[in-house]
Amino acid sequence: QEWERSDPTKIQEALLALSESPRVSPPLRVYAGLLHAYAKRRRGDLPGSQEAIRKLGYVDRWLVAGPFDNEGKTGLLREEMPERERRDAFTSGKSYPGKERPVRFREAPHAFMNGWIDFGSLVRPQEFVCAYAATYVTSGDGKNVPRQVSLWAGSAGAMRVYWNGEEVIRDEKYRSLDADRFATNVTLQPGWNRLLVKVCGDDDAPLL
């Protein structure tokens, strides 16, 4: 908010300092790092911005399915087939009844390197639709024990988040995008954990 009214260099330096400060919580450091990456992009350093976001550890590999109907903003609470099967393995071969035609899970192109997915470039039609993003998460630390982790998510539009088949975040309001608007604690089980996100937009395509 201060970008146009202050010295961008000072803002960028303040965000960088906060992202590296051991005196603040890890989530705050990551969020400051994300804003610092956005500052890099605004100043023309797109490769530096994308590399900074990559190092922050945002999930950037997804399967996506959609669009599903959201006329009258009724789609969020209506469980489509991907939600009913959320405890099963995600597959790219099965089709589901979509808004205008059958749809399938397909791999999102590895082109969304800014910390979000733009469904407007992936689904047609774009207005009054819902879409799903699915992936698997593993700790990768080699320890065969469950542990508690924090899960952060945000979207432009309404949103439901499922972790290993259980709903852990729900936001029924249609908001502007904030990548880390909501958080919850989940159990990271040994091996692969299923993450399914449903986002719904109105006259604009949703962002995740």
Protein backbone atom coordinates (compact mmCIF):
# COMPACT_ATOMS: atom_id res chain seq x y z
CA GLN A 1 0.00 0.00 0.00
CA GLU A 2 2.97 2.31 0.55
CA TRP A 3 4.64 1.44 -2.73
CA GLU A 4 3.44 4.47 -4.69
CA ARG A 5 3.84 6.88 -1.75
CA SER A 6 7.29 5.93 -0.48
CA ASP A 7 10.72 4.95 -1.72
CA PRO A 8 10.39 1.44 -3.24
CA THR A 9 13.99 0.69 -2.33
CA LYS A 10 13.33 1.30 1.36
CA ILE A 11 10.18 -0.82 1.25
CA GLN A 12 12.08 -3.65 -0.42
CA GLU A 13 14.88 -3.41 2.14
CA ALA A 14 12.40 -3.49 5.02
CA LEU A 15 10.66 -6.57 3.62
CA LEU A 16 13.99 -8.33 3.09
CA ALA A 17 15.09 -7.56 6.64
CA LEU A 18 11.83 -8.90 8.04
CA SER A 19 12.06 -12.06 5.91
CA GLU A 20 15.50 -12.78 7.39
CA SER A 21 14.82 -11.79 10.99
CA PRO A 22 15.09 -14.61 13.58
CA ARG A 23 12.93 -12.56 15.94
CA VAL A 24 9.69 -13.13 14.02
CA SER A 25 7.75 -16.34 13.43
CA PRO A 26 8.51 -18.54 10.38
CA PRO A 27 5.10 -17.81 8.77
CA LEU A 28 5.71 -14.08 9.04
CA ARG A 29 9.18 -14.47 7.55
CA VAL A 30 7.73 -16.41 4.61
CA TYR A 31 4.97 -13.85 4.04
CA ALA A 32 7.48 -11.00 4.13
CA GLY A 33 9.61 -13.00 1.69
CA LEU A 34 6.64 -13.31 -0.65
CA LEU A 35 6.01 -9.57 -0.57
CA HIS A 36 9.71 -9.00 -1.16
CA ALA A 37 9.48 -11.25 -4.21
CA TYR A 38 6.50 -9.23 -5.44
CA ALA A 39 8.61 -6.09 -4.99
CA LYS A 40 11.31 -7.61 -7.18
CA ARG A 41 8.72 -8.26 -9.87
CA ARG A 42 7.36 -4.72 -9.70
CA ARG A 43 10.89 -3.42 -10.24
CA GLY A 44 11.39 -5.57 -13.33
CA ASP A 45 13.33 -8.48 -11.85
CA LEU A 46 10.98 -11.31 -12.88
CA PRO A 47 13.60 -14.12 -12.73
CA GLY A 48 14.71 -12.96 -9.27
CA SER A 49 11.10 -12.79 -8.11
CA GLN A 50 10.29 -16.29 -9.31
CA GLU A 51 13.47 -17.75 -7.79
CA ALA A 52 12.69 -16.11 -4.44
CA ILE A 53 9.18 -17.61 -4.45
CA ARG A 54 10.56 -21.03 -5.37
CA LYS A 55 12.89 -20.95 -2.37
CA LEU A 56 9.97 -20.11 -0.05
CA GLY A 57 8.51 -23.56 -0.69
CA TYR A 58 5.08 -22.71 -2.09
CA VAL A 59 3.35 -25.70 -3.67
CA ASP A 60 3.70 -25.18 -7.41
CA ARG A 61 2.82 -28.53 -9.00
CA TRP A 62 -0.89 -29.20 -9.35
CA LEU A 63 -3.51 -31.22 -11.14
CA VAL A 64 -6.50 -29.06 -12.05
CA ALA A 65 -10.10 -29.85 -13.02
CA GLY A 66 -12.90 -27.57 -14.12
CA PRO A 67 -14.90 -25.59 -14.74
CA PHE A 68 -17.90 -26.60 -12.60
CA ASP A 69 -21.04 -24.52 -12.27
CA ASN A 70 -21.26 -21.61 -9.81
CA GLU A 71 -24.31 -19.70 -11.05
CA GLY A 72 -25.86 -17.82 -8.16
CA LYS A 73 -22.74 -18.58 -6.11
CA THR A 74 -24.16 -21.98 -5.21
CA GLY A 75 -21.17 -24.04 -6.29
CA LEU A 76 -18.98 -23.84 -3.20
CA LEU A 77 -21.25 -25.88 -0.95
CA ARG A 78 -22.32 -28.30 -3.68
CA GLU A 79 -20.02 -31.30 -3.60
CA GLU A 80 -19.01 -32.28 -7.11
CA MET A 81 -17.48 -35.66 -7.87
CA PRO A 82 -13.86 -34.64 -7.09
CA GLU A 83 -14.98 -33.80 -3.55
CA ARG A 84 -17.01 -36.96 -3.13
CA GLU A 85 -13.93 -38.94 -4.15
CA ARG A 86 -11.46 -36.81 -2.20
CA ARG A 87 -10.18 -39.78 -0.19
CA ASP A 88 -9.27 -41.65 -3.37
CA ALA A 89 -6.15 -41.20 -5.46
CA PHE A 90 -6.31 -38.35 -7.96
CA THR A 91 -6.28 -39.57 -11.54
CA SER A 92 -6.04 -37.78 -14.87
CA GLY A 93 -8.03 -40.39 -16.76
CA LYS A 94 -11.48 -40.12 -15.19
CA SER A 95 -14.02 -37.60 -16.46
CA TYR A 96 -16.53 -35.62 -14.38
CA PRO A 97 -19.65 -33.68 -15.40
CA GLY A 98 -18.50 -30.07 -15.75
CA LYS A 99 -20.36 -26.85 -16.32
CA GLU A 100 -20.65 -27.26 -20.09
CA ARG A 101 -18.78 -30.48 -20.88
CA PRO A 102 -17.01 -33.40 -19.21
CA VAL A 103 -13.76 -32.37 -17.51
CA ARG A 104 -10.74 -34.26 -16.18
CA PHE A 105 -7.86 -33.64 -13.85
CA ARG A 106 -4.90 -32.52 -15.92
CA GLU A 107 -1.46 -31.28 -15.00
CA ALA A 108 -1.26 -27.51 -14.75
CA PRO A 109 1.57 -26.11 -16.87
CA HIS A 110 4.62 -25.21 -14.83
CA ALA A 111 4.15 -21.58 -15.78
CA PHE A 112 2.57 -20.18 -12.61
CA MET A 113 5.70 -19.22 -10.71
CA ASN A 114 4.33 -16.31 -8.71
CA GLY A 115 2.80 -18.25 -5.83
CA TRP A 116 -0.67 -18.66 -7.34
CA ILE A 117 -2.60 -20.44 -10.11
CA ASP A 118 -4.60 -18.35 -12.57
CA PHE A 119 -7.62 -20.49 -13.45
CA GLY A 120 -8.67 -17.83 -15.96
CA SER A 121 -6.04 -19.19 -18.32
CA LEU A 122 -6.96 -22.84 -17.67
CA VAL A 123 -10.76 -23.12 -17.79
CA ARG A 124 -13.53 -22.06 -20.16
CA PRO A 125 -15.94 -20.50 -19.46
CA GLN A 126 -14.36 -18.25 -16.84
CA GLU A 127 -17.41 -16.60 -15.25
CA PHE A 128 -19.40 -18.07 -12.35
CA VAL A 129 -17.34 -21.23 -12.17
CA CYS A 130 -15.61 -23.44 -9.61
CA ALA A 131 -12.41 -25.37 -10.18
CA TYR A 132 -10.29 -27.86 -8.27
CA ALA A 133 -6.55 -28.08 -7.69
CA ALA A 134 -5.10 -31.30 -6.32
CA THR A 135 -1.62 -32.41 -5.34
CA TYR A 136 0.35 -34.58 -2.93
CA VAL A 137 2.62 -33.33 -0.17
CA THR A 138 5.39 -35.22 1.62
CA SER A 139 7.81 -34.15 4.32
CA GLY A 140 10.83 -35.49 2.51
CA ASP A 141 12.79 -35.65 5.77
CA GLY A 142 13.08 -39.43 5.83
CA LYS A 143 11.46 -39.73 9.25
CA ASN A 144 8.66 -42.26 9.42
CA VAL A 145 6.60 -40.40 12.03
CA PRO A 146 3.64 -38.02 11.71
CA ARG A 147 4.12 -34.40 12.72
CA GLN A 148 2.12 -31.22 12.96
CA VAL A 149 2.57 -28.58 10.27
CA SER A 150 0.77 -25.37 9.37
CA LEU A 151 -1.15 -25.19 6.09
CA TRP A 152 -1.69 -21.77 4.53
CA ALA A 153 -4.01 -20.91 1.64
CA GLY A 154 -5.71 -17.98 -0.02
CA SER A 155 -7.74 -17.31 -3.14
CA ALA A 156 -9.59 -14.72 -5.16
CA GLY A 157 -13.08 -16.06 -4.60
CA ALA A 158 -14.55 -18.56 -2.15
CA MET A 159 -12.55 -21.59 -1.11
CA ARG A 160 -12.60 -25.03 0.54
CA VAL A 161 -9.43 -26.92 1.44
CA TYR A 162 -9.26 -30.67 2.12
CA TRP A 163 -6.30 -32.41 3.72
CA ASN A 164 -6.28 -36.20 3.43
CA GLY A 165 -10.01 -36.08 2.72
CA GLU A 166 -10.98 -33.86 5.66
CA GLU A 167 -12.11 -30.26 5.24
CA VAL A 168 -9.67 -28.04 7.12
CA ILE A 169 -10.40 -24.55 5.70
CA ARG A 170 -13.61 -23.00 4.39
CA ASP A 171 -14.14 -19.40 3.31
CA GLU A 172 -17.51 -18.56 1.77
CA LYS A 173 -16.70 -14.90 1.10
CA TYR A 174 -15.56 -13.67 -2.30
CA ARG A 175 -12.37 -11.76 -1.64
CA SER A 176 -9.37 -10.38 -3.47
CA LEU A 177 -6.29 -12.59 -3.64
CA ASP A 178 -4.05 -12.97 -0.62
CA ALA A 179 -1.82 -16.02 -0.90
CA ASP A 180 -1.64 -16.63 2.87
CA ARG A 181 -5.02 -15.41 4.10
CA PHE A 182 -5.95 -18.46 6.16
CA ALA A 183 -4.00 -21.06 8.11
CA THR A 184 -4.67 -24.22 10.04
CA ASN A 185 -2.67 -27.01 11.65
CA VAL A 186 -2.71 -30.44 9.98
CA THR A 187 -0.97 -33.74 10.56
CA LEU A 188 1.67 -34.54 7.98
CA GLN A 189 1.60 -38.31 7.77
CA PRO A 190 4.59 -40.39 6.62
CA GLY A 191 4.52 -40.78 2.86
CA TRP A 192 2.24 -38.80 0.58
CA ASN A 193 -0.61 -36.62 1.86
CA ARG A 194 -3.54 -35.59 -0.36
CA LEU A 195 -4.32 -31.90 -0.73
CA LEU A 196 -7.47 -30.82 -2.59
CA VAL A 197 -8.55 -27.20 -2.98
CA LYS A 198 -11.84 -25.97 -4.43
CA VAL A 199 -12.10 -22.34 -5.50
CA CYS A 200 -15.17 -20.54 -6.86
CA GLY A 201 -15.40 -17.21 -8.66
CA ASP A 202 -18.27 -15.02 -9.80
CA ASP A 203 -17.82 -12.72 -12.79
CA ASP A 204 -14.05 -13.17 -12.65
CA ALA A 205 -12.14 -16.44 -12.83
CA PRO A 206 -10.82 -17.59 -9.44
CA LEU A 207 -7.19 -17.48 -8.41
CA LEU A 208 -5.49 -19.84 -5.95
